[in-house]
Amino acid sequence: MSFDNFVQHARRYPNLLSEDQRKQLAAGQAPSALFIGCSDSRVTPSHITGAEPGTLFELRTAGNVVPKYSPDSGSSEMGTIEYAVLQLGIPDIIVCCHSHCGAVTALTIAGRGLDALPALCTWLGTEAQVAAEPEDTAVRAESKRHLRSQLDVLREYPFIRDRIDSGRLRLHGWFYEIDTGLVYVAPQSAEDEDFLPL
């Protein structure tokens, strides 16, 4: 699909929503979930979830990395999470990792060969990694471990921990397998290793 296709679709877009739908969207948003996913062009949250406009609040980052909570050194990622949870009051957060992830591959090999991408390597934290070869080219096992670590980081956000403890917020880990289209759910317990089909 070329850039011209995007332009043509954008020109048709006003006619794809009814006037009532546009008015409803203009009146405000009340999304059902925050979807934290990778920037990878093959991972499209609305296609995976079937979400309509206004129903899914999205945060996409390289490798779906969630930064540690440090409000004094705020980032757009932290701000987006705060806004979704504290302002919009979303009841569910989905963190979605995927197979064939370039960011997870970069983490696995500790940034080897990515000297031209220093900002990406810093964002991913490759300098803290010990280089290893991926278990398979799709980095399935590595992506699942990465997903669990991002869920752990989110649980350290004070307002997320408080809302989980009070039953007002649920965290979900999803693993999207690009080559099959299947979505697997991360186990809730640290002792359980199995990702099961959603």
Protein backbone atom coordinates (compact mmCIF):
# COMPACT_ATOMS: atom_id res chain seq x y z
CA MET A 1 0.00 0.00 0.00
CA SER A 2 1.46 3.35 -1.01
CA PHE A 3 1.27 6.79 0.57
CA ASP A 4 -1.25 7.77 -2.14
CA ASN A 5 -3.56 5.03 -0.86
CA PHE A 6 -3.40 6.59 2.60
CA VAL A 7 -4.28 10.00 1.15
CA GLN A 8 -7.23 8.61 -0.79
CA HIS A 9 -8.56 6.83 2.28
CA ALA A 10 -8.16 9.96 4.42
CA ARG A 11 -10.21 11.89 1.86
CA ARG A 12 -12.99 9.27 2.00
CA TYR A 13 -12.87 8.95 5.80
CA PRO A 14 -15.45 11.66 6.63
CA ASN A 15 -18.04 9.63 4.72
CA LEU A 16 -17.23 6.39 6.54
CA LEU A 17 -18.67 7.66 9.84
CA SER A 18 -22.21 8.90 10.24
CA GLU A 19 -22.89 12.43 11.47
CA ASP A 20 -24.14 10.93 14.75
CA GLN A 21 -20.91 8.97 15.19
CA ARG A 22 -18.80 12.08 14.56
CA LYS A 23 -20.88 14.10 17.06
CA GLN A 24 -20.53 11.35 19.66
CA LEU A 25 -16.75 11.24 19.20
CA ALA A 26 -16.51 15.04 19.37
CA ALA A 27 -18.39 15.02 22.71
CA GLY A 28 -15.56 13.10 24.45
CA GLN A 29 -14.02 9.72 24.88
CA ALA A 30 -14.68 6.85 27.26
CA PRO A 31 -12.38 4.04 26.09
CA SER A 32 -12.80 0.56 27.52
CA ALA A 33 -9.08 -0.22 27.68
CA LEU A 34 -5.56 1.10 27.30
CA PHE A 35 -3.67 -0.93 24.70
CA ILE A 36 0.12 -0.75 25.07
CA GLY A 37 1.67 -2.26 21.99
CA CYS A 38 4.68 -2.19 19.75
CA SER A 39 5.15 0.40 17.01
CA ASP A 40 5.62 -2.46 14.51
CA SER A 41 3.48 -1.85 11.42
CA ARG A 42 2.30 -5.47 11.43
CA VAL A 43 0.61 -5.09 14.81
CA THR A 44 -2.63 -3.10 14.44
CA PRO A 45 -4.55 -2.87 17.72
CA SER A 46 -7.93 -2.10 16.16
CA HIS A 47 -7.61 -5.10 13.82
CA ILE A 48 -6.61 -7.43 16.64
CA THR A 49 -9.34 -6.23 19.01
CA GLY A 50 -12.05 -5.11 16.61
CA ALA A 51 -12.14 -1.76 18.41
CA GLU A 52 -14.22 1.05 16.99
CA PRO A 53 -13.14 4.71 17.22
CA GLY A 54 -13.31 5.97 20.80
CA THR A 55 -13.16 2.55 22.45
CA LEU A 56 -9.41 1.84 22.68
CA PHE A 57 -6.81 4.25 24.08
CA GLU A 58 -3.48 3.38 22.45
CA LEU A 59 0.15 3.71 23.44
CA ARG A 60 2.63 2.35 20.92
CA THR A 61 6.35 2.26 21.57
CA ALA A 62 9.34 0.41 20.14
CA GLY A 63 9.12 -3.00 21.76
CA ASN A 64 6.06 -1.99 23.81
CA VAL A 65 8.52 -0.86 26.47
CA VAL A 66 6.96 0.61 29.61
CA PRO A 67 9.37 2.98 31.36
CA LYS A 68 9.80 2.80 35.11
CA TYR A 69 7.58 5.33 36.87
CA SER A 70 9.51 8.49 37.56
CA PRO A 71 7.16 11.49 37.44
CA ASP A 72 10.00 13.99 37.89
CA SER A 73 11.51 12.85 34.59
CA GLY A 74 8.21 12.44 32.83
CA SER A 75 7.89 10.93 29.39
CA SER A 76 5.05 10.79 26.91
CA GLU A 77 4.63 7.11 27.79
CA MET A 78 4.24 7.79 31.51
CA GLY A 79 1.93 10.72 30.76
CA THR A 80 -0.24 8.58 28.50
CA ILE A 81 -0.55 5.86 31.14
CA GLU A 82 -1.37 8.40 33.85
CA TYR A 83 -4.00 10.05 31.69
CA ALA A 84 -5.64 6.76 30.73
CA VAL A 85 -5.82 5.48 34.29
CA LEU A 86 -6.32 8.62 36.39
CA GLN A 87 -8.25 10.89 34.02
CA LEU A 88 -10.17 8.49 31.81
CA GLY A 89 -10.55 5.82 34.48
CA ILE A 90 -10.02 2.92 32.11
CA PRO A 91 -10.77 -0.43 33.78
CA ASP A 92 -8.39 -2.60 31.72
CA ILE A 93 -4.82 -2.35 30.44
CA ILE A 94 -3.63 -4.70 27.70
CA VAL A 95 0.10 -4.99 27.09
CA CYS A 96 0.60 -6.73 23.76
CA CYS A 97 3.92 -8.22 22.65
CA HIS A 98 4.34 -10.02 19.36
CA SER A 99 6.45 -12.57 17.55
CA HIS A 100 9.10 -11.52 15.01
CA CYS A 101 9.77 -8.35 17.03
CA GLY A 102 12.83 -6.37 15.97
CA ALA A 103 13.04 -4.60 19.33
CA VAL A 104 13.04 -7.87 21.29
CA THR A 105 15.63 -9.26 18.88
CA ALA A 106 17.77 -6.15 19.55
CA LEU A 107 17.40 -6.73 23.29
CA THR A 108 18.32 -10.38 22.94
CA ILE A 109 21.50 -9.63 21.03
CA ALA A 110 22.22 -6.64 23.33
CA GLY A 111 22.10 -4.16 20.47
CA ARG A 112 24.87 -5.82 18.50
CA GLY A 113 25.14 -4.18 15.07
CA LEU A 114 22.84 -1.29 15.95
CA ASP A 115 25.48 1.38 16.46
CA ALA A 116 23.63 3.71 14.09
CA LEU A 117 20.56 3.61 16.39
CA PRO A 118 21.81 4.92 19.76
CA ALA A 119 18.45 6.36 20.85
CA LEU A 120 16.71 3.05 20.18
CA CYS A 121 19.37 1.11 22.08
CA THR A 122 19.09 3.50 25.04
CA TRP A 123 15.27 3.22 25.00
CA LEU A 124 15.43 -0.57 24.97
CA GLY A 125 18.20 -0.74 27.58
CA THR A 126 20.44 -2.95 25.46
CA GLU A 127 23.57 -1.89 27.37
CA ALA A 128 22.27 -3.76 30.43
CA GLN A 129 21.78 -6.99 28.46
CA VAL A 130 24.11 -9.91 27.96
CA ALA A 131 24.12 -10.82 24.27
CA ALA A 132 22.60 -14.17 23.36
CA GLU A 133 21.32 -15.78 20.21
CA PRO A 134 17.52 -15.94 19.89
CA GLU A 135 15.96 -19.34 20.57
CA ASP A 136 14.14 -19.02 17.22
CA THR A 137 13.96 -16.31 14.56
CA ALA A 138 10.46 -15.37 15.69
CA VAL A 139 11.77 -14.61 19.24
CA ARG A 140 8.62 -16.13 20.73
CA ALA A 141 10.11 -17.16 24.08
CA GLU A 142 12.08 -13.92 24.41
CA SER A 143 9.00 -11.83 23.58
CA LYS A 144 6.94 -13.62 26.22
CA ARG A 145 9.62 -12.99 28.85
CA HIS A 146 9.79 -9.35 27.75
CA LEU A 147 6.01 -9.05 28.06
CA ARG A 148 6.06 -10.35 31.61
CA SER A 149 8.78 -7.87 32.56
CA GLN A 150 6.73 -4.96 31.15
CA LEU A 151 3.72 -6.10 33.19
CA ASP A 152 5.97 -6.13 36.28
CA VAL A 153 7.07 -2.55 35.56
CA LEU A 154 3.44 -1.43 35.23
CA ARG A 155 2.55 -3.03 38.56
CA GLU A 156 5.14 -0.75 40.17
CA TYR A 157 3.28 2.41 39.13
CA PRO A 158 1.70 3.47 42.48
CA PHE A 159 -1.68 4.43 41.03
CA ILE A 160 -1.86 1.21 39.02
CA ARG A 161 -0.96 -0.93 42.03
CA ASP A 162 -3.61 0.89 44.13
CA ARG A 163 -6.30 0.38 41.53
CA ILE A 164 -5.41 -3.27 40.99
CA ASP A 165 -5.53 -3.86 44.76
CA SER A 166 -8.94 -2.17 45.01
CA GLY A 167 -10.34 -4.12 42.05
CA ARG A 168 -10.78 -1.05 39.82
CA LEU A 169 -8.16 -2.05 37.24
CA ARG A 170 -7.07 -5.27 35.57
CA LEU A 171 -3.80 -5.94 33.73
CA HIS A 172 -3.70 -8.29 30.76
CA GLY A 173 -0.68 -9.58 28.88
CA TRP A 174 -1.27 -10.64 25.29
CA PHE A 175 1.16 -12.26 22.89
CA TYR A 176 0.25 -11.86 19.22
CA GLU A 177 1.77 -14.44 16.91
CA ILE A 178 2.17 -12.75 13.53
CA ASP A 179 2.57 -15.90 11.43
CA THR A 180 -0.57 -17.59 12.79
CA GLY A 181 -2.71 -14.59 13.79
CA LEU A 182 -3.33 -16.20 17.19
CA VAL A 183 -3.35 -14.24 20.45
CA TYR A 184 -2.17 -15.88 23.66
CA VAL A 185 -2.75 -14.62 27.17
CA ALA A 186 0.02 -14.34 29.74
CA PRO A 187 -0.45 -16.28 32.96
CA GLN A 188 -1.54 -14.21 35.96
CA SER A 189 0.65 -16.14 38.36
CA ALA A 190 4.44 -15.83 38.34
CA GLU A 191 4.69 -19.59 38.96
CA ASP A 192 2.69 -20.46 35.83
CA GLU A 193 4.74 -20.48 32.62
CA ASP A 194 2.06 -21.37 30.07
CA PHE A 195 0.62 -18.77 27.71
CA LEU A 196 -2.80 -20.04 26.69
CA PRO A 197 -4.89 -19.12 23.62
CA LEU A 198 -7.15 -16.17 24.32
